[in-house]
Amino acid sequence: MKARVLTPELLDSLPPTNPAAQASRRDLRRLHPLLGQIGLWTRWFAENFPARPPASLADLGAGDGSLLGTVLLRAYPKGGHGARIFFVDRQPVVPESTLAHLRRCNWLPTVTTTDIFEWAEEDPPVEAALANLFLHHFDEAGITRLFSALARKTSSFAAAEPRRNHLAFLATQTLGLIGCHPVTRHDARVSVAAGFRGRELSGLWPSSGWKVRECSCGPFTHFFSAQKHG
């Protein structure tokens, strides 16, 4: 496919209480396992934090927090051991039921309502940070700025993004067949157009002192990770 094309996504402009926004978030919860993202993130935690969860973890662009909540309970069935979780979003919609369940499993969740750059450049460091279907909202200058701040803020970062290829774009045309809302169908199309391929993200991460990995995970997901040496 051609170069990245950034188009505003409808969900980002809708109030959280809007019925279309609520329907689209329900769609996303259904699509996470279909896209393989629950398994992907469960494996990432097993590979990088096998003995214990990170002491502090930030979910960037967290939305309703359902993906991370599901993954953590699967990756660490014995609980969070008091680890802190920060759900970071301009419009977080993490339900109290999700937060309460995490607390019962010995996690310490916090919902942080802020601009991502303010959080990355001003809030305290975290041991790990992740982003799921989030980086594609930004142009190269924005990603470079965010990566520069994250490289100072954490020792472990990973992102799962739309893969920009013809198969992924064709797949977006079928979402109506499984009952996805028009907002979801629109946002899926523009997400793929703004997605990534090759080494597009690796070239934006500060290179010194980091082990960087970038690859496809299945036909629809582009994965990037950066681990600080030592």
C-alpha atoms as a PDB file:
ATOM      1  CA  MET A   1       0.000   0.000   0.000  1.00  0.00           C
ATOM      2  CA  LYS A   2       0.978   3.642  -0.279  1.00  0.00           C
ATOM      3  CA  ALA A   3       2.373   5.908   2.416  1.00  0.00           C
ATOM      4  CA  ARG A   4       0.452   6.394   5.649  1.00  0.00           C
ATOM      5  CA  VAL A   5      -2.703   8.513   5.445  1.00  0.00           C
ATOM      6  CA  LEU A   6      -4.039   9.996   8.695  1.00  0.00           C
ATOM      7  CA  THR A   7      -7.782  10.620   8.867  1.00  0.00           C
ATOM      8  CA  PRO A   8      -9.641  11.497  12.103  1.00  0.00           C
ATOM      9  CA  GLU A   9     -11.467   8.542  13.613  1.00  0.00           C
ATOM     10  CA  LEU A  10     -15.116   9.005  14.510  1.00  0.00           C
ATOM     11  CA  LEU A  11     -14.831   7.356  17.932  1.00  0.00           C
ATOM     12  CA  ASP A  12     -12.299   9.967  19.045  1.00  0.00           C
ATOM     13  CA  SER A  13     -14.807  12.773  18.481  1.00  0.00           C
ATOM     14  CA  LEU A  14     -17.789  11.155  20.219  1.00  0.00           C
ATOM     15  CA  PRO A  15     -18.629  11.683  23.906  1.00  0.00           C
ATOM     16  CA  PRO A  16     -18.246   8.451  25.888  1.00  0.00           C
ATOM     17  CA  THR A  17     -21.979   8.336  26.596  1.00  0.00           C
ATOM     18  CA  ASN A  18     -22.948   8.555  22.921  1.00  0.00           C
ATOM     19  CA  PRO A  19     -24.720   5.325  21.862  1.00  0.00           C
ATOM     20  CA  ALA A  20     -22.566   5.059  18.729  1.00  0.00           C
ATOM     21  CA  ALA A  21     -19.408   5.320  20.844  1.00  0.00           C
ATOM     22  CA  GLN A  22     -20.681   2.654  23.214  1.00  0.00           C
ATOM     23  CA  ALA A  23     -21.554   0.360  20.303  1.00  0.00           C
ATOM     24  CA  SER A  24     -18.117   0.839  18.764  1.00  0.00           C
ATOM     25  CA  ARG A  25     -16.359   0.019  22.028  1.00  0.00           C
ATOM     26  CA  ARG A  26     -18.422  -3.164  22.268  1.00  0.00           C
ATOM     27  CA  ASP A  27     -17.233  -4.013  18.769  1.00  0.00           C
ATOM     28  CA  LEU A  28     -13.619  -3.465  19.797  1.00  0.00           C
ATOM     29  CA  ARG A  29     -14.028  -5.853  22.718  1.00  0.00           C
ATOM     30  CA  ARG A  30     -15.281  -8.485  20.262  1.00  0.00           C
ATOM     31  CA  LEU A  31     -12.499  -7.803  17.779  1.00  0.00           C
ATOM     32  CA  HIS A  32      -9.590  -8.040  20.239  1.00  0.00           C
ATOM     33  CA  PRO A  33      -9.613 -11.854  20.378  1.00  0.00           C
ATOM     34  CA  LEU A  34     -10.390 -12.144  16.647  1.00  0.00           C
ATOM     35  CA  LEU A  35      -7.298 -10.050  15.869  1.00  0.00           C
ATOM     36  CA  GLY A  36      -5.223 -12.204  18.217  1.00  0.00           C
ATOM     37  CA  GLN A  37      -4.384  -9.294  20.507  1.00  0.00           C
ATOM     38  CA  ILE A  38      -5.238 -11.032  23.762  1.00  0.00           C
ATOM     39  CA  GLY A  39      -2.859 -13.878  22.933  1.00  0.00           C
ATOM     40  CA  LEU A  40      -0.223 -11.467  21.648  1.00  0.00           C
ATOM     41  CA  TRP A  41      -0.118  -9.410  24.845  1.00  0.00           C
ATOM     42  CA  THR A  42      -0.315 -12.468  27.086  1.00  0.00           C
ATOM     43  CA  ARG A  43       2.794 -13.834  25.342  1.00  0.00           C
ATOM     44  CA  TRP A  44       4.555 -10.472  25.626  1.00  0.00           C
ATOM     45  CA  PHE A  45       4.129 -10.451  29.400  1.00  0.00           C
ATOM     46  CA  ALA A  46       5.224 -14.103  29.637  1.00  0.00           C
ATOM     47  CA  GLU A  47       8.388 -13.362  27.637  1.00  0.00           C
ATOM     48  CA  ASN A  48       9.370 -10.112  29.315  1.00  0.00           C
ATOM     49  CA  PHE A  49       8.003 -10.429  32.861  1.00  0.00           C
ATOM     50  CA  PRO A  50       7.752 -14.186  33.457  1.00  0.00           C
ATOM     51  CA  ALA A  51       8.375 -14.241  37.206  1.00  0.00           C
ATOM     52  CA  ARG A  52       6.308 -11.239  38.241  1.00  0.00           C
ATOM     53  CA  PRO A  53       4.297  -8.445  36.659  1.00  0.00           C
ATOM     54  CA  PRO A  54       5.990  -5.072  36.159  1.00  0.00           C
ATOM     55  CA  ALA A  55       5.817  -3.031  39.361  1.00  0.00           C
ATOM     56  CA  SER A  56       4.238  -0.164  37.423  1.00  0.00           C
ATOM     57  CA  LEU A  57       2.541  -0.409  34.056  1.00  0.00           C
ATOM     58  CA  ALA A  58       0.923   2.216  31.816  1.00  0.00           C
ATOM     59  CA  ASP A  59      -1.717   1.488  29.173  1.00  0.00           C
ATOM     60  CA  LEU A  60      -1.558   4.366  26.671  1.00  0.00           C
ATOM     61  CA  GLY A  61      -4.834   5.251  24.992  1.00  0.00           C
ATOM     62  CA  ALA A  62      -6.508   2.780  27.314  1.00  0.00           C
ATOM     63  CA  GLY A  63     -10.137   3.450  26.397  1.00  0.00           C
ATOM     64  CA  ASP A  64     -12.308   1.173  28.531  1.00  0.00           C
ATOM     65  CA  GLY A  65      -9.324  -0.859  29.787  1.00  0.00           C
ATOM     66  CA  SER A  66     -10.957  -4.136  28.797  1.00  0.00           C
ATOM     67  CA  LEU A  67      -8.030  -5.500  26.813  1.00  0.00           C
ATOM     68  CA  LEU A  68      -5.383  -4.988  29.478  1.00  0.00           C
ATOM     69  CA  GLY A  69      -7.738  -6.117  32.230  1.00  0.00           C
ATOM     70  CA  THR A  70      -8.383  -9.382  30.390  1.00  0.00           C
ATOM     71  CA  VAL A  71      -4.712  -9.945  29.564  1.00  0.00           C
ATOM     72  CA  LEU A  72      -3.390  -9.313  33.077  1.00  0.00           C
ATOM     73  CA  LEU A  73      -5.834 -11.719  34.664  1.00  0.00           C
ATOM     74  CA  ARG A  74      -4.769 -14.368  32.160  1.00  0.00           C
ATOM     75  CA  ALA A  75      -1.023 -13.681  32.324  1.00  0.00           C
ATOM     76  CA  TYR A  76      -0.916 -13.508  36.131  1.00  0.00           C
ATOM     77  CA  PRO A  77      -3.604 -15.785  37.569  1.00  0.00           C
ATOM     78  CA  LYS A  78      -2.061 -15.435  41.045  1.00  0.00           C
ATOM     79  CA  GLY A  79      -2.697 -11.693  41.027  1.00  0.00           C
ATOM     80  CA  GLY A  80      -0.798  -8.458  40.656  1.00  0.00           C
ATOM     81  CA  HIS A  81       1.232  -8.510  43.891  1.00  0.00           C
ATOM     82  CA  GLY A  82       0.432  -4.837  44.443  1.00  0.00           C
ATOM     83  CA  ALA A  83       1.617  -3.682  41.016  1.00  0.00           C
ATOM     84  CA  ARG A  84       0.342  -0.303  39.848  1.00  0.00           C
ATOM     85  CA  ILE A  85      -1.598   0.117  36.600  1.00  0.00           C
ATOM     86  CA  PHE A  86      -2.159   3.490  34.930  1.00  0.00           C
ATOM     87  CA  PHE A  87      -4.972   3.664  32.374  1.00  0.00           C
ATOM     88  CA  VAL A  88      -3.974   6.781  30.402  1.00  0.00           C
ATOM     89  CA  ASP A  89      -6.452   8.424  28.024  1.00  0.00           C
ATOM     90  CA  ARG A  90      -7.945  11.816  27.206  1.00  0.00           C
ATOM     91  CA  GLN A  91     -11.405  10.231  27.520  1.00  0.00           C
ATOM     92  CA  PRO A  92     -11.003   7.167  29.715  1.00  0.00           C
ATOM     93  CA  VAL A  93     -14.110   5.044  30.110  1.00  0.00           C
ATOM     94  CA  VAL A  94     -12.790   2.310  32.379  1.00  0.00           C
ATOM     95  CA  PRO A  95     -15.835   1.034  34.304  1.00  0.00           C
ATOM     96  CA  GLU A  96     -15.689   0.802  38.068  1.00  0.00           C
ATOM     97  CA  SER A  97     -16.451  -2.911  37.795  1.00  0.00           C
ATOM     98  CA  THR A  98     -13.143  -3.443  35.932  1.00  0.00           C
ATOM     99  CA  LEU A  99     -11.204  -1.431  38.505  1.00  0.00           C
ATOM    100  CA  ALA A 100     -12.862  -3.256  41.403  1.00  0.00           C
ATOM    101  CA  HIS A 101     -12.065  -6.664  39.914  1.00  0.00           C
ATOM    102  CA  LEU A 102      -8.414  -5.713  39.437  1.00  0.00           C
ATOM    103  CA  ARG A 103      -8.221  -4.490  43.041  1.00  0.00           C
ATOM    104  CA  ARG A 104      -9.620  -7.798  44.273  1.00  0.00           C
ATOM    105  CA  CYS A 105      -6.790  -9.492  42.377  1.00  0.00           C
ATOM    106  CA  ASN A 106      -4.186  -7.320  44.147  1.00  0.00           C
ATOM    107  CA  TRP A 107      -3.597  -4.780  41.372  1.00  0.00           C
ATOM    108  CA  LEU A 108      -3.592  -1.051  42.095  1.00  0.00           C
ATOM    109  CA  PRO A 109      -5.293   0.619  39.116  1.00  0.00           C
ATOM    110  CA  THR A 110      -5.450   4.374  38.493  1.00  0.00           C
ATOM    111  CA  VAL A 111      -7.359   6.122  35.726  1.00  0.00           C
ATOM    112  CA  THR A 112      -5.312   9.053  34.417  1.00  0.00           C
ATOM    113  CA  THR A 113      -7.213  11.604  32.329  1.00  0.00           C
ATOM    114  CA  THR A 114      -4.620  13.616  30.432  1.00  0.00           C
ATOM    115  CA  ASP A 115      -2.983  14.349  27.113  1.00  0.00           C
ATOM    116  CA  ILE A 116      -0.503  11.600  26.269  1.00  0.00           C
ATOM    117  CA  PHE A 117       2.408  14.021  25.798  1.00  0.00           C
ATOM    118  CA  GLU A 118       1.787  15.701  29.146  1.00  0.00           C
ATOM    119  CA  TRP A 119       1.756  12.280  30.803  1.00  0.00           C
ATOM    120  CA  ALA A 120       4.896  11.079  29.012  1.00  0.00           C
ATOM    121  CA  GLU A 121       6.900  14.232  29.674  1.00  0.00           C
ATOM    122  CA  GLU A 122       5.697  15.147  33.152  1.00  0.00           C
ATOM    123  CA  ASP A 123       4.459  12.138  35.148  1.00  0.00           C
ATOM    124  CA  PRO A 124       6.798   9.794  37.093  1.00  0.00           C
ATOM    125  CA  PRO A 125       8.553   6.888  35.334  1.00  0.00           C
ATOM    126  CA  VAL A 126       6.982   3.436  34.988  1.00  0.00           C
ATOM    127  CA  GLU A 127       8.636   0.052  34.600  1.00  0.00           C
ATOM    128  CA  ALA A 128       6.672  -0.801  31.451  1.00  0.00           C
ATOM    129  CA  ALA A 129       4.283   0.872  29.028  1.00  0.00           C
ATOM    130  CA  LEU A 130       2.187  -0.480  26.201  1.00  0.00           C
ATOM    131  CA  ALA A 131      -0.098   0.858  23.502  1.00  0.00           C
ATOM    132  CA  ASN A 132      -2.750  -1.075  21.607  1.00  0.00           C
ATOM    133  CA  LEU A 133      -4.159   0.461  18.406  1.00  0.00           C
ATOM    134  CA  PHE A 134      -2.926   3.886  19.494  1.00  0.00           C
ATOM    135  CA  LEU A 135       0.264   5.016  17.742  1.00  0.00           C
ATOM    136  CA  HIS A 136      -1.389   5.146  14.325  1.00  0.00           C
ATOM    137  CA  HIS A 137      -3.286   8.247  15.468  1.00  0.00           C
ATOM    138  CA  PHE A 138      -0.062  10.275  15.278  1.00  0.00           C
ATOM    139  CA  ASP A 139       2.157  11.521  12.479  1.00  0.00           C
ATOM    140  CA  GLU A 140       5.894  10.841  12.471  1.00  0.00           C
ATOM    141  CA  ALA A 141       6.700  14.007  14.401  1.00  0.00           C
ATOM    142  CA  GLY A 142       4.228  13.058  17.139  1.00  0.00           C
ATOM    143  CA  ILE A 143       5.498   9.486  17.372  1.00  0.00           C
ATOM    144  CA  THR A 144       9.106  10.710  17.507  1.00  0.00           C
ATOM    145  CA  ARG A 145       8.233  13.082  20.346  1.00  0.00           C
ATOM    146  CA  LEU A 146       6.378  10.342  22.224  1.00  0.00           C
ATOM    147  CA  PHE A 147       9.167   7.794  21.702  1.00  0.00           C
ATOM    148  CA  SER A 148      11.771  10.255  22.939  1.00  0.00           C
ATOM    149  CA  ALA A 149       9.800  10.797  26.149  1.00  0.00           C
ATOM    150  CA  LEU A 150       9.101   7.072  26.615  1.00  0.00           C
ATOM    151  CA  ALA A 151      12.788   6.214  26.233  1.00  0.00           C
ATOM    152  CA  ARG A 152      13.436   8.363  29.306  1.00  0.00           C
ATOM    153  CA  LYS A 153      10.371   7.170  31.179  1.00  0.00           C
ATOM    154  CA  THR A 154      10.401   3.369  30.954  1.00  0.00           C
ATOM    155  CA  SER A 155      12.709   0.437  30.306  1.00  0.00           C
ATOM    156  CA  SER A 156      10.131  -1.603  28.377  1.00  0.00           C
ATOM    157  CA  PHE A 157       7.664  -0.457  25.730  1.00  0.00           C
ATOM    158  CA  ALA A 158       5.544  -2.300  23.182  1.00  0.00           C
ATOM    159  CA  ALA A 159       2.795  -1.433  20.724  1.00  0.00           C
ATOM    160  CA  ALA A 160       0.350  -3.432  18.600  1.00  0.00           C
ATOM    161  CA  GLU A 161      -0.938  -1.467  15.619  1.00  0.00           C
ATOM    162  CA  PRO A 162      -2.877  -1.981  12.402  1.00  0.00           C
ATOM    163  CA  ARG A 163      -0.807  -3.528   9.631  1.00  0.00           C
ATOM    164  CA  ARG A 164      -0.984  -1.430   6.486  1.00  0.00           C
ATOM    165  CA  ASN A 165      -1.537  -3.956   3.722  1.00  0.00           C
ATOM    166  CA  HIS A 166      -4.170  -4.930   1.181  1.00  0.00           C
ATOM    167  CA  LEU A 167      -5.385  -7.970   3.123  1.00  0.00           C
ATOM    168  CA  ALA A 168      -6.070  -5.898   6.240  1.00  0.00           C
ATOM    169  CA  PHE A 169      -7.916  -3.308   4.178  1.00  0.00           C
ATOM    170  CA  LEU A 170     -10.036  -6.004   2.525  1.00  0.00           C
ATOM    171  CA  ALA A 171     -10.839  -7.438   5.953  1.00  0.00           C
ATOM    172  CA  THR A 172     -12.267  -4.088   7.059  1.00  0.00           C
ATOM    173  CA  GLN A 173     -14.870  -4.428   4.288  1.00  0.00           C
ATOM    174  CA  THR A 174     -16.280  -7.544   5.970  1.00  0.00           C
ATOM    175  CA  LEU A 175     -16.935  -6.043   9.417  1.00  0.00           C
ATOM    176  CA  GLY A 176     -20.541  -5.343   8.550  1.00  0.00           C
ATOM    177  CA  LEU A 177     -21.065  -9.071   8.084  1.00  0.00           C
ATOM    178  CA  ILE A 178     -20.417  -9.657  11.797  1.00  0.00           C
ATOM    179  CA  GLY A 179     -22.654  -6.783  12.843  1.00  0.00           C
ATOM    180  CA  CYS A 180     -20.085  -4.055  13.528  1.00  0.00           C
ATOM    181  CA  HIS A 181     -21.383  -0.509  13.887  1.00  0.00           C
ATOM    182  CA  PRO A 182     -20.787   2.034  11.065  1.00  0.00           C
ATOM    183  CA  VAL A 183     -18.404   3.947  13.358  1.00  0.00           C
ATOM    184  CA  THR A 184     -16.312   0.805  13.787  1.00  0.00           C
ATOM    185  CA  ARG A 185     -16.327   0.102  10.051  1.00  0.00           C
ATOM    186  CA  HIS A 186     -15.206   3.655   9.224  1.00  0.00           C
ATOM    187  CA  ASP A 187     -12.517   3.716  11.899  1.00  0.00           C
ATOM    188  CA  ALA A 188     -11.165   0.322  10.861  1.00  0.00           C
ATOM    189  CA  ARG A 189     -10.647   1.532   7.284  1.00  0.00           C
ATOM    190  CA  VAL A 190      -8.829   4.701   8.278  1.00  0.00           C
ATOM    191  CA  SER A 191      -6.816   2.833  10.932  1.00  0.00           C
ATOM    192  CA  VAL A 192      -5.373   0.483   8.326  1.00  0.00           C
ATOM    193  CA  ALA A 193      -4.537   3.434   6.062  1.00  0.00           C
ATOM    194  CA  ALA A 194      -2.673   5.029   9.001  1.00  0.00           C
ATOM    195  CA  GLY A 195      -1.054   1.758  10.092  1.00  0.00           C
ATOM    196  CA  PHE A 196       2.519   0.559   9.762  1.00  0.00           C
ATOM    197  CA  ARG A 197       4.711  -1.887   7.885  1.00  0.00           C
ATOM    198  CA  GLY A 198       8.385  -2.702   7.525  1.00  0.00           C
ATOM    199  CA  ARG A 199      10.626  -0.839   9.975  1.00  0.00           C
ATOM    200  CA  GLU A 200       8.680   2.410  10.066  1.00  0.00           C
ATOM    201  CA  LEU A 201       8.527   2.577  13.863  1.00  0.00           C
ATOM    202  CA  SER A 202      12.045   1.328  14.558  1.00  0.00           C
ATOM    203  CA  GLY A 203      13.493   4.297  12.718  1.00  0.00           C
ATOM    204  CA  LEU A 204      11.729   6.676  15.100  1.00  0.00           C
ATOM    205  CA  TRP A 205      12.897   5.087  18.381  1.00  0.00           C
ATOM    206  CA  PRO A 206      16.140   6.341  20.007  1.00  0.00           C
ATOM    207  CA  SER A 207      18.621   3.640  19.021  1.00  0.00           C
ATOM    208  CA  SER A 208      21.332   3.803  21.673  1.00  0.00           C
ATOM    209  CA  GLY A 209      21.058   1.234  24.484  1.00  0.00           C
ATOM    210  CA  TRP A 210      17.867  -0.474  23.293  1.00  0.00           C
ATOM    211  CA  LYS A 211      16.906  -3.827  21.805  1.00  0.00           C
ATOM    212  CA  VAL A 212      14.231  -3.041  19.228  1.00  0.00           C
ATOM    213  CA  ARG A 213      11.937  -5.530  17.511  1.00  0.00           C
ATOM    214  CA  GLU A 214       9.409  -4.845  14.760  1.00  0.00           C
ATOM    215  CA  CYS A 215       7.431  -7.495  12.919  1.00  0.00           C
ATOM    216  CA  SER A 216       4.049  -8.670  11.717  1.00  0.00           C
ATOM    217  CA  CYS A 217       1.914 -10.741  14.069  1.00  0.00           C
ATOM    218  CA  GLY A 218      -0.602 -12.426  11.843  1.00  0.00           C
ATOM    219  CA  PRO A 219      -2.074 -10.757   8.764  1.00  0.00           C
ATOM    220  CA  PHE A 220      -3.568  -7.720  10.479  1.00  0.00           C
ATOM    221  CA  THR A 221      -1.274  -6.672  13.353  1.00  0.00           C
ATOM    222  CA  HIS A 222       2.028  -4.815  13.274  1.00  0.00           C
ATOM    223  CA  PHE A 223       4.069  -5.214  16.456  1.00  0.00           C
ATOM    224  CA  PHE A 224       6.852  -3.034  17.850  1.00  0.00           C
ATOM    225  CA  SER A 225       8.815  -3.423  21.096  1.00  0.00           C
ATOM    226  CA  ALA A 226      11.800  -1.757  22.714  1.00  0.00           C
ATOM    227  CA  GLN A 227      13.661  -3.167  25.728  1.00  0.00           C
ATOM    228  CA  LYS A 228      16.469  -1.282  27.438  1.00  0.00           C
ATOM    229  CA  HIS A 229      19.734  -3.214  27.596  1.00  0.00           C
ATOM    230  CA  GLY A 230      20.727  -4.283  31.104  1.00  0.00           C
END
